[in-house]
Structure formats: C-alpha cells, structure tokens
Amino acid sequence: MKRKKTKTTKPKTKRKSGLTQLTYSLSEQLQEIVGAKSLTRPQVVKKFWEYIKRHKCQDTKNRRLIVPDKKLAEVIGKKPIDMLKLAGALSKHIKK
C-alpha cells in the first residue's frame, strides 16, 4: 500500500502594509469624534464608523447616506454624504 505524501505548510503570518503601520496626526474636530490624537488610517475609519452607528447618523431608508450631527458636520460638512465619499472628507483632517 502506497502512502500519500502530505504537503507541509508553513504557518501563515499576517503582513502589515505600509498604510496600517503609519500613525497620522488628526485635526481637533476629528479627535473629538475618534477620541485619540493620532491613529493609523484603518483605526480612524473604524472609530469613525463606530461613532456613526452609536449616534445613528445613517439615513433610515438609504443606509448609504450619512446624515451628520453637529460634530460630524465639522468634519464632513452639513449636507448628507454618501458613505463612499467619506474617505475624501476624512483625508482633509488626517496629516502625517
């Protein structure tokens, strides 16, 4: 009886890209929302979405629209914004 050869696999290690390692300084308005002075870009987006969901800032019928409250209006503007345009609005408040 022949034995099947099994492949030995190396344990996979997570590689961090350059964007996940860099910490950025944030504007005062964004600091109030995320609660930190400097974060990585993915952390900023995660905390930003936590704020949006906690304060129910999404439109009830069209969940893609973000309806800003007083604090969010300082960062993204007073008009409702599509969630895909959030990155552009956030980039104005993130500095190296």
PDB file of N, CA and C in Angstrom:
ATOM      1  N   MET A   1       0.820  -1.164   0.000  1.00  0.00           N
ATOM      2  CA  MET A   1       0.000   0.000   0.000  1.00  0.00           C
ATOM      3  C   MET A   1       0.880   1.248   0.000  1.00  0.00           C
ATOM      4  N   LYS A   2       0.615   2.152  -0.943  1.00  0.00           N
ATOM      5  CA  LYS A   2       1.414   3.363  -1.051  1.00  0.00           C
ATOM      6  C   LYS A   2       0.816   4.456  -0.177  1.00  0.00           C
ATOM      7  N   ARG A   3       1.710   5.184   0.431  1.00  0.00           N
ATOM      8  CA  ARG A   3       1.260   6.308   1.253  1.00  0.00           C
ATOM      9  C   ARG A   3       1.237   7.574   0.422  1.00  0.00           C
ATOM     10  N   LYS A   4       0.248   8.392   0.698  1.00  0.00           N
ATOM     11  CA  LYS A   4       0.176   9.676   0.019  1.00  0.00           C
ATOM     12  C   LYS A   4       1.100  10.656   0.719  1.00  0.00           C
ATOM     13  N   LYS A   5       1.790  11.409  -0.055  1.00  0.00           N
ATOM     14  CA  LYS A   5       2.660  12.419   0.520  1.00  0.00           C
ATOM     15  C   LYS A   5       1.821  13.639   0.896  1.00  0.00           C
ATOM     16  N   THR A   6       2.010  14.092   2.089  1.00  0.00           N
ATOM     17  CA  THR A   6       1.302  15.296   2.523  1.00  0.00           C
ATOM     18  C   THR A   6       2.251  16.475   2.451  1.00  0.00           C
ATOM     19  N   LYS A   7       1.694  17.562   2.066  1.00  0.00           N
ATOM     20  CA  LYS A   7       2.492  18.781   1.983  1.00  0.00           C
ATOM     21  C   LYS A   7       2.613  19.390   3.361  1.00  0.00           C
ATOM     22  N   THR A   8       3.789  19.826   3.660  1.00  0.00           N
ATOM     23  CA  THR A   8       3.959  20.539   4.911  1.00  0.00           C
ATOM     24  C   THR A   8       3.786  22.026   4.610  1.00  0.00           C
ATOM     25  N   THR A   9       2.938  22.639   5.354  1.00  0.00           N
ATOM     26  CA  THR A   9       2.683  24.059   5.123  1.00  0.00           C
ATOM     27  C   THR A   9       3.269  24.874   6.256  1.00  0.00           C
ATOM     28  N   LYS A  10       3.772  25.989   5.875  1.00  0.00           N
ATOM     29  CA  LYS A  10       4.309  26.911   6.866  1.00  0.00           C
ATOM     30  C   LYS A  10       3.154  27.702   7.466  1.00  0.00           C
ATOM     31  N   PRO A  11       3.249  28.037   8.725  1.00  0.00           N
ATOM     32  CA  PRO A  11       2.171  28.859   9.297  1.00  0.00           C
ATOM     33  C   PRO A  11       2.141  30.226   8.622  1.00  0.00           C
ATOM     34  N   LYS A  12       0.951  30.650   8.276  1.00  0.00           N
ATOM     35  CA  LYS A  12       0.809  31.929   7.584  1.00  0.00           C
ATOM     36  C   LYS A  12       0.953  33.072   8.578  1.00  0.00           C
ATOM     37  N   THR A  13       1.735  34.034   8.186  1.00  0.00           N
ATOM     38  CA  THR A  13       1.907  35.210   9.018  1.00  0.00           C
ATOM     39  C   THR A  13       1.227  36.375   8.332  1.00  0.00           C
ATOM     40  N   LYS A  14       0.606  37.201   9.124  1.00  0.00           N
ATOM     41  CA  LYS A  14      -0.051  38.374   8.563  1.00  0.00           C
ATOM     42  C   LYS A  14       0.998  39.424   8.258  1.00  0.00           C
ATOM     43  N   ARG A  15       0.933  39.933   7.063  1.00  0.00           N
ATOM     44  CA  ARG A  15       1.837  41.006   6.675  1.00  0.00           C
ATOM     45  C   ARG A  15       1.111  42.323   6.830  1.00  0.00           C
ATOM     46  N   LYS A  16       1.775  43.260   7.375  1.00  0.00           N
ATOM     47  CA  LYS A  16       1.182  44.581   7.528  1.00  0.00           C
ATOM     48  C   LYS A  16       1.628  45.460   6.369  1.00  0.00           C
ATOM     49  N   SER A  17       0.668  46.100   5.758  1.00  0.00           N
ATOM     50  CA  SER A  17       1.029  47.010   4.676  1.00  0.00           C
ATOM     51  C   SER A  17       1.520  48.323   5.273  1.00  0.00           C
ATOM     52  N   GLY A  18       2.059  49.158   4.458  1.00  0.00           N
ATOM     53  CA  GLY A  18       2.599  50.422   4.923  1.00  0.00           C
ATOM     54  C   GLY A  18       1.545  51.343   5.508  1.00  0.00           C
ATOM     55  N   LEU A  19       0.318  51.281   4.969  1.00  0.00           N
ATOM     56  CA  LEU A  19      -0.736  52.161   5.467  1.00  0.00           C
ATOM     57  C   LEU A  19      -1.195  51.789   6.868  1.00  0.00           C
ATOM     58  N   THR A  20      -1.122  50.516   7.219  1.00  0.00           N
ATOM     59  CA  THR A  20      -1.600  50.112   8.535  1.00  0.00           C
ATOM     60  C   THR A  20      -0.585  50.389   9.631  1.00  0.00           C
ATOM     61  N   GLN A  21       0.643  50.677   9.279  1.00  0.00           N
ATOM     62  CA  GLN A  21       1.665  50.916  10.284  1.00  0.00           C
ATOM     63  C   GLN A  21       1.868  52.394  10.587  1.00  0.00           C
ATOM     64  N   LEU A  22       1.574  53.269   9.642  1.00  0.00           N
ATOM     65  CA  LEU A  22       1.804  54.688   9.828  1.00  0.00           C
ATOM     66  C   LEU A  22       0.739  55.303  10.720  1.00  0.00           C
ATOM     67  N   THR A  23       1.178  56.070  11.693  1.00  0.00           N
ATOM     68  CA  THR A  23       0.206  56.799  12.503  1.00  0.00           C
ATOM     69  C   THR A  23       0.167  58.241  12.018  1.00  0.00           C
ATOM     70  N   TYR A  24      -1.023  58.779  11.968  1.00  0.00           N
ATOM     71  CA  TYR A  24      -1.237  60.130  11.471  1.00  0.00           C
ATOM     72  C   TYR A  24      -1.767  61.008  12.599  1.00  0.00           C
ATOM     73  N   SER A  25      -1.416  62.280  12.542  1.00  0.00           N
ATOM     74  CA  SER A  25      -1.998  63.217  13.492  1.00  0.00           C
ATOM     75  C   SER A  25      -3.338  63.688  12.930  1.00  0.00           C
ATOM     76  N   LEU A  26      -4.282  63.903  13.813  1.00  0.00           N
ATOM     77  CA  LEU A  26      -5.650  64.216  13.411  1.00  0.00           C
ATOM     78  C   LEU A  26      -6.009  65.636  13.781  1.00  0.00           C
ATOM     79  N   SER A  27      -6.942  66.217  13.048  1.00  0.00           N
ATOM     80  CA  SER A  27      -7.405  67.563  13.371  1.00  0.00           C
ATOM     81  C   SER A  27      -8.210  67.519  14.672  1.00  0.00           C
ATOM     82  N   GLU A  28      -8.409  68.664  15.283  1.00  0.00           N
ATOM     83  CA  GLU A  28      -9.137  68.731  16.552  1.00  0.00           C
ATOM     84  C   GLU A  28     -10.567  68.231  16.411  1.00  0.00           C
ATOM     85  N   GLN A  29     -11.208  68.544  15.286  1.00  0.00           N
ATOM     86  CA  GLN A  29     -12.581  68.105  15.072  1.00  0.00           C
ATOM     87  C   GLN A  29     -12.664  66.576  14.988  1.00  0.00           C
ATOM     88  N   LEU A  30     -11.708  65.984  14.298  1.00  0.00           N
ATOM     89  CA  LEU A  30     -11.696  64.529  14.168  1.00  0.00           C
ATOM     90  C   LEU A  30     -11.289  63.860  15.478  1.00  0.00           C
ATOM     91  N   GLN A  31     -10.437  64.516  16.260  1.00  0.00           N
ATOM     92  CA  GLN A  31     -10.041  63.973  17.560  1.00  0.00           C
ATOM     93  C   GLN A  31     -11.243  63.837  18.486  1.00  0.00           C
ATOM     94  N   GLU A  32     -12.165  64.778  18.414  1.00  0.00           N
ATOM     95  CA  GLU A  32     -13.360  64.711  19.247  1.00  0.00           C
ATOM     96  C   GLU A  32     -14.223  63.504  18.888  1.00  0.00           C
ATOM     97  N   ILE A  33     -14.240  63.139  17.628  1.00  0.00           N
ATOM     98  CA  ILE A  33     -15.071  62.023  17.184  1.00  0.00           C
ATOM     99  C   ILE A  33     -14.427  60.685  17.507  1.00  0.00           C
ATOM    100  N   VAL A  34     -13.135  60.525  17.183  1.00  0.00           N
ATOM    101  CA  VAL A  34     -12.483  59.230  17.367  1.00  0.00           C
ATOM    102  C   VAL A  34     -11.884  59.054  18.759  1.00  0.00           C
ATOM    103  N   GLY A  35     -11.633  60.135  19.458  1.00  0.00           N
ATOM    104  CA  GLY A  35     -11.142  60.039  20.823  1.00  0.00           C
ATOM    105  C   GLY A  35      -9.652  59.790  20.963  1.00  0.00           C
ATOM    106  N   ALA A  36      -8.855  60.156  19.964  1.00  0.00           N
ATOM    107  CA  ALA A  36      -7.401  59.987  20.042  1.00  0.00           C
ATOM    108  C   ALA A  36      -6.728  61.074  19.218  1.00  0.00           C
ATOM    109  N   LYS A  37      -5.457  61.371  19.580  1.00  0.00           N
ATOM    110  CA  LYS A  37      -4.717  62.415  18.861  1.00  0.00           C
ATOM    111  C   LYS A  37      -4.053  61.881  17.601  1.00  0.00           C
ATOM    112  N   SER A  38      -3.635  60.613  17.615  1.00  0.00           N
ATOM    113  CA  SER A  38      -3.016  60.025  16.429  1.00  0.00           C
ATOM    114  C   SER A  38      -3.410  58.556  16.341  1.00  0.00           C
ATOM    115  N   LEU A  39      -3.748  58.131  15.131  1.00  0.00           N
ATOM    116  CA  LEU A  39      -4.137  56.746  14.858  1.00  0.00           C
ATOM    117  C   LEU A  39      -3.663  56.370  13.460  1.00  0.00           C
ATOM    118  N   THR A  40      -3.702  55.073  13.173  1.00  0.00           N
ATOM    119  CA  THR A  40      -3.462  54.640  11.801  1.00  0.00           C
ATOM    120  C   THR A  40      -4.739  54.897  11.005  1.00  0.00           C
ATOM    121  N   ARG A  41      -4.616  54.913   9.705  1.00  0.00           N
ATOM    122  CA  ARG A  41      -5.773  55.218   8.856  1.00  0.00           C
ATOM    123  C   ARG A  41      -6.921  54.208   9.043  1.00  0.00           C
ATOM    124  N   PRO A  42      -6.654  52.895   9.079  1.00  0.00           N
ATOM    125  CA  PRO A  42      -7.750  51.957   9.313  1.00  0.00           C
ATOM    126  C   PRO A  42      -8.424  52.143  10.668  1.00  0.00           C
ATOM    127  N   GLN A  43      -7.648  52.504  11.689  1.00  0.00           N
ATOM    128  CA  GLN A  43      -8.228  52.750  13.002  1.00  0.00           C
ATOM    129  C   GLN A  43      -9.135  53.972  12.986  1.00  0.00           C
ATOM    130  N   VAL A  44      -8.750  55.006  12.232  1.00  0.00           N
ATOM    131  CA  VAL A  44      -9.571  56.212  12.118  1.00  0.00           C
ATOM    132  C   VAL A  44     -10.920  55.861  11.502  1.00  0.00           C
ATOM    133  N   VAL A  45     -10.893  55.099  10.426  1.00  0.00           N
ATOM    134  CA  VAL A  45     -12.131  54.732   9.747  1.00  0.00           C
ATOM    135  C   VAL A  45     -13.008  53.873  10.653  1.00  0.00           C
ATOM    136  N   LYS A  46     -12.404  52.941  11.380  1.00  0.00           N
ATOM    137  CA  LYS A  46     -13.153  52.070  12.282  1.00  0.00           C
ATOM    138  C   LYS A  46     -13.830  52.881  13.387  1.00  0.00           C
ATOM    139  N   LYS A  47     -13.083  53.775  14.026  1.00  0.00           N
ATOM    140  CA  LYS A  47     -13.642  54.605  15.094  1.00  0.00           C
ATOM    141  C   LYS A  47     -14.707  55.554  14.559  1.00  0.00           C
ATOM    142  N   PHE A  48     -14.502  56.046  13.343  1.00  0.00           N
ATOM    143  CA  PHE A  48     -15.461  56.953  12.719  1.00  0.00           C
ATOM    144  C   PHE A  48     -16.792  56.236  12.503  1.00  0.00           C
ATOM    145  N   TRP A  49     -16.725  55.001  12.005  1.00  0.00           N
ATOM    146  CA  TRP A  49     -17.948  54.222  11.797  1.00  0.00           C
ATOM    147  C   TRP A  49     -18.605  53.845  13.123  1.00  0.00           C
ATOM    148  N   GLU A  50     -17.822  53.591  14.162  1.00  0.00           N
ATOM    149  CA  GLU A  50     -18.396  53.328  15.475  1.00  0.00           C
ATOM    150  C   GLU A  50     -19.204  54.524  15.951  1.00  0.00           C
ATOM    151  N   TYR A  51     -18.671  55.720  15.731  1.00  0.00           N
ATOM    152  CA  TYR A  51     -19.382  56.943  16.116  1.00  0.00           C
ATOM    153  C   TYR A  51     -20.682  57.075  15.320  1.00  0.00           C
ATOM    154  N   ILE A  52     -20.616  56.832  14.018  1.00  0.00           N
ATOM    155  CA  ILE A  52     -21.799  56.964  13.165  1.00  0.00           C
ATOM    156  C   ILE A  52     -22.897  56.004  13.615  1.00  0.00           C
ATOM    157  N   LYS A  53     -22.532  54.777  13.908  1.00  0.00           N
ATOM    158  CA  LYS A  53     -23.537  53.795  14.323  1.00  0.00           C
ATOM    159  C   LYS A  53     -24.056  54.063  15.732  1.00  0.00           C
ATOM    160  N   ARG A  54     -23.182  54.512  16.626  1.00  0.00           N
ATOM    161  CA  ARG A  54     -23.597  54.790  18.002  1.00  0.00           C
ATOM    162  C   ARG A  54     -24.587  55.955  18.064  1.00  0.00           C
ATOM    163  N   HIS A  55     -24.371  56.964  17.224  1.00  0.00           N
ATOM    164  CA  HIS A  55     -25.229  58.148  17.230  1.00  0.00           C
ATOM    165  C   HIS A  55     -26.314  58.110  16.154  1.00  0.00           C
ATOM    166  N   LYS A  56     -26.446  56.958  15.495  1.00  0.00           N
ATOM    167  CA  LYS A  56     -27.498  56.741  14.480  1.00  0.00           C
ATOM    168  C   LYS A  56     -27.507  57.840  13.423  1.00  0.00           C
ATOM    169  N   CYS A  57     -26.375  58.027  12.797  1.00  0.00           N
ATOM    170  CA  CYS A  57     -26.228  59.076  11.787  1.00  0.00           C
ATOM    171  C   CYS A  57     -26.447  58.570  10.364  1.00  0.00           C
ATOM    172  N   GLN A  58     -26.866  57.322  10.214  1.00  0.00           N
ATOM    173  CA  GLN A  58     -27.184  56.823   8.881  1.00  0.00           C
ATOM    174  C   GLN A  58     -28.655  57.092   8.591  1.00  0.00           C
ATOM    175  N   ASP A  59     -28.954  57.376   7.328  1.00  0.00           N
ATOM    176  CA  ASP A  59     -30.333  57.564   6.905  1.00  0.00           C
ATOM    177  C   ASP A  59     -31.067  56.236   7.068  1.00  0.00           C
ATOM    178  N   THR A  60     -32.299  56.267   7.579  1.00  0.00           N
ATOM    179  CA  THR A  60     -33.012  55.022   7.847  1.00  0.00           C
ATOM    180  C   THR A  60     -33.439  54.297   6.574  1.00  0.00           C
ATOM    181  N   LYS A  61     -33.776  55.040   5.528  1.00  0.00           N
ATOM    182  CA  LYS A  61     -34.224  54.407   4.286  1.00  0.00           C
ATOM    183  C   LYS A  61     -33.062  54.064   3.365  1.00  0.00           C
ATOM    184  N   ASN A  62     -32.123  54.978   3.204  1.00  0.00           N
ATOM    185  CA  ASN A  62     -30.952  54.755   2.365  1.00  0.00           C
ATOM    186  C   ASN A  62     -29.733  54.708   3.278  1.00  0.00           C
ATOM    187  N   ARG A  63     -29.308  53.517   3.658  1.00  0.00           N
ATOM    188  CA  ARG A  63     -28.235  53.337   4.641  1.00  0.00           C
ATOM    189  C   ARG A  63     -26.870  53.816   4.126  1.00  0.00           C
ATOM    190  N   ARG A  64     -26.768  54.082   2.841  1.00  0.00           N
ATOM    191  CA  ARG A  64     -25.504  54.569   2.286  1.00  0.00           C
ATOM    192  C   ARG A  64     -25.276  56.040   2.595  1.00  0.00           C
ATOM    193  N   LEU A  65     -26.319  56.760   2.951  1.00  0.00           N
ATOM    194  CA  LEU A  65     -26.187  58.183   3.248  1.00  0.00           C
ATOM    195  C   LEU A  65     -25.880  58.391   4.724  1.00  0.00           C
ATOM    196  N   ILE A  66     -24.919  59.254   4.978  1.00  0.00           N
ATOM    197  CA  ILE A  66     -24.559  59.636   6.339  1.00  0.00           C
ATOM    198  C   ILE A  66     -25.130  61.029   6.566  1.00  0.00           C
ATOM    199  N   VAL A  67     -26.038  61.133   7.545  1.00  0.00           N
ATOM    200  CA  VAL A  67     -26.639  62.417   7.890  1.00  0.00           C
ATOM    201  C   VAL A  67     -25.877  62.947   9.106  1.00  0.00           C
ATOM    202  N   PRO A  68     -25.094  63.994   8.933  1.00  0.00           N
ATOM    203  CA  PRO A  68     -24.211  64.444  10.019  1.00  0.00           C
ATOM    204  C   PRO A  68     -24.959  65.124  11.161  1.00  0.00           C
ATOM    205  N   ASP A  69     -24.496  64.846  12.380  1.00  0.00           N
ATOM    206  CA  ASP A  69     -24.955  65.617  13.534  1.00  0.00           C
ATOM    207  C   ASP A  69     -24.000  66.805  13.688  1.00  0.00           C
ATOM    208  N   LYS A  70     -24.042  67.462  14.832  1.00  0.00           N
ATOM    209  CA  LYS A  70     -23.250  68.688  15.000  1.00  0.00           C
ATOM    210  C   LYS A  70     -21.738  68.436  14.881  1.00  0.00           C
ATOM    211  N   LYS A  71     -21.244  67.370  15.523  1.00  0.00           N
ATOM    212  CA  LYS A  71     -19.809  67.071  15.477  1.00  0.00           C
ATOM    213  C   LYS A  71     -19.367  66.602  14.091  1.00  0.00           C
ATOM    214  N   LEU A  72     -20.170  65.737  13.476  1.00  0.00           N
ATOM    215  CA  LEU A  72     -19.808  65.235  12.146  1.00  0.00           C
ATOM    216  C   LEU A  72     -19.834  66.338  11.105  1.00  0.00           C
ATOM    217  N   ALA A  73     -20.710  67.315  11.284  1.00  0.00           N
ATOM    218  CA  ALA A  73     -20.819  68.410  10.318  1.00  0.00           C
ATOM    219  C   ALA A  73     -19.521  69.202  10.218  1.00  0.00           C
ATOM    220  N   GLU A  74     -18.747  69.257  11.300  1.00  0.00           N
ATOM    221  CA  GLU A  74     -17.466  69.961  11.276  1.00  0.00           C
ATOM    222  C   GLU A  74     -16.427  69.218  10.427  1.00  0.00           C
ATOM    223  N   VAL A  75     -16.605  67.912  10.283  1.00  0.00           N
ATOM    224  CA  VAL A  75     -15.638  67.109   9.538  1.00  0.00           C
ATOM    225  C   VAL A  75     -16.080  66.879   8.094  1.00  0.00           C
ATOM    226  N   ILE A  76     -17.333  66.473   7.897  1.00  0.00           N
ATOM    227  CA  ILE A  76     -17.767  66.084   6.544  1.00  0.00           C
ATOM    228  C   ILE A  76     -18.684  67.103   5.885  1.00  0.00           C
ATOM    229  N   GLY A  77     -19.068  68.153   6.581  1.00  0.00           N
ATOM    230  CA  GLY A  77     -19.968  69.144   6.010  1.00  0.00           C
ATOM    231  C   GLY A  77     -21.395  68.958   6.514  1.00  0.00           C
ATOM    232  N   LYS A  78     -22.250  69.926   6.222  1.00  0.00           N
ATOM    233  CA  LYS A  78     -23.605  69.903   6.761  1.00  0.00           C
ATOM    234  C   LYS A  78     -24.575  69.062   5.940  1.00  0.00           C
ATOM    235  N   LYS A  79     -24.254  68.830   4.669  1.00  0.00           N
ATOM    236  CA  LYS A  79     -25.143  68.057   3.810  1.00  0.00           C
ATOM    237  C   LYS A  79     -24.905  66.563   4.015  1.00  0.00           C
ATOM    238  N   PRO A  80     -25.948  65.741   3.822  1.00  0.00           N
ATOM    239  CA  PRO A  80     -25.735  64.285   3.868  1.00  0.00           C
ATOM    240  C   PRO A  80     -24.729  63.868   2.793  1.00  0.00           C
ATOM    241  N   ILE A  81     -23.903  62.900   3.122  1.00  0.00           N
ATOM    242  CA  ILE A  81     -22.831  62.477   2.231  1.00  0.00           C
ATOM    243  C   ILE A  81     -22.934  60.966   2.013  1.00  0.00           C
ATOM    244  N   ASP A  82     -22.595  60.525   0.812  1.00  0.00           N
ATOM    245  CA  ASP A  82     -22.579  59.103   0.509  1.00  0.00           C
ATOM    246  C   ASP A  82     -21.400  58.467   1.232  1.00  0.00           C
ATOM    247  N   MET A  83     -21.566  57.248   1.711  1.00  0.00           N
ATOM    248  CA  MET A  83     -20.513  56.610   2.500  1.00  0.00           C
ATOM    249  C   MET A  83     -19.237  56.377   1.699  1.00  0.00           C
ATOM    250  N   LEU A  84     -19.337  56.304   0.374  1.00  0.00           N
ATOM    251  CA  LEU A  84     -18.138  56.104  -0.431  1.00  0.00           C
ATOM    252  C   LEU A  84     -17.304  57.374  -0.547  1.00  0.00           C
ATOM    253  N   LYS A  85     -17.861  58.505  -0.198  1.00  0.00           N
ATOM    254  CA  LYS A  85     -17.129  59.767  -0.265  1.00  0.00           C
ATOM    255  C   LYS A  85     -16.554  60.168   1.095  1.00  0.00           C
ATOM    256  N   LEU A  86     -16.714  59.300   2.087  1.00  0.00           N
ATOM    257  CA  LEU A  86     -16.184  59.597   3.419  1.00  0.00           C
ATOM    258  C   LEU A  86     -14.662  59.686   3.428  1.00  0.00           C
ATOM    259  N   ALA A  87     -14.006  58.843   2.661  1.00  0.00           N
ATOM    260  CA  ALA A  87     -12.531  58.832   2.655  1.00  0.00           C
ATOM    261  C   ALA A  87     -11.986  60.181   2.215  1.00  0.00           C
ATOM    262  N   GLY A  88     -12.602  60.794   1.224  1.00  0.00           N
ATOM    263  CA  GLY A  88     -12.156  62.097   0.772  1.00  0.00           C
ATOM    264  C   GLY A  88     -12.378  63.174   1.807  1.00  0.00           C
ATOM    265  N   ALA A  89     -13.508  63.091   2.519  1.00  0.00           N
ATOM    266  CA  ALA A  89     -13.794  64.068   3.556  1.00  0.00           C
ATOM    267  C   ALA A  89     -12.852  63.885   4.757  1.00  0.00           C
ATOM    268  N   LEU A  90     -12.529  62.640   5.075  1.00  0.00           N
ATOM    269  CA  LEU A  90     -11.626  62.379   6.202  1.00  0.00           C
ATOM    270  C   LEU A  90     -10.187  62.768   5.889  1.00  0.00           C
ATOM    271  N   SER A  91      -9.772  62.648   4.642  1.00  0.00           N
ATOM    272  CA  SER A  91      -8.372  62.900   4.295  1.00  0.00           C
ATOM    273  C   SER A  91      -7.972  64.350   4.555  1.00  0.00           C
ATOM    274  N   LYS A  92      -8.937  65.270   4.560  1.00  0.00           N
ATOM    275  CA  LYS A  92      -8.626  66.672   4.854  1.00  0.00           C
ATOM    276  C   LYS A  92      -8.266  66.878   6.328  1.00  0.00           C
ATOM    277  N   HIS A  93      -8.642  65.930   7.178  1.00  0.00           N
ATOM    278  CA  HIS A  93      -8.417  66.065   8.617  1.00  0.00           C
ATOM    279  C   HIS A  93      -7.322  65.144   9.130  1.00  0.00           C
ATOM    280  N   ILE A  94      -6.662  64.407   8.219  1.00  0.00           N
ATOM    281  CA  ILE A  94      -5.585  63.496   8.596  1.00  0.00           C
ATOM    282  C   ILE A  94      -4.284  64.021   8.013  1.00  0.00           C
ATOM    283  N   LYS A  95      -3.286  64.202   8.886  1.00  0.00           N
ATOM    284  CA  LYS A  95      -1.994  64.755   8.440  1.00  0.00           C
ATOM    285  C   LYS A  95      -0.868  63.848   8.920  1.00  0.00           C
ATOM    286  N   LYS A  96       0.207  63.804   8.138  1.00  0.00           N
ATOM    287  CA  LYS A  96       1.372  62.981   8.519  1.00  0.00           C
ATOM    288  C   LYS A  96       2.104  63.570   9.685  1.00  0.00           C
TER     289      LYS A  96
END
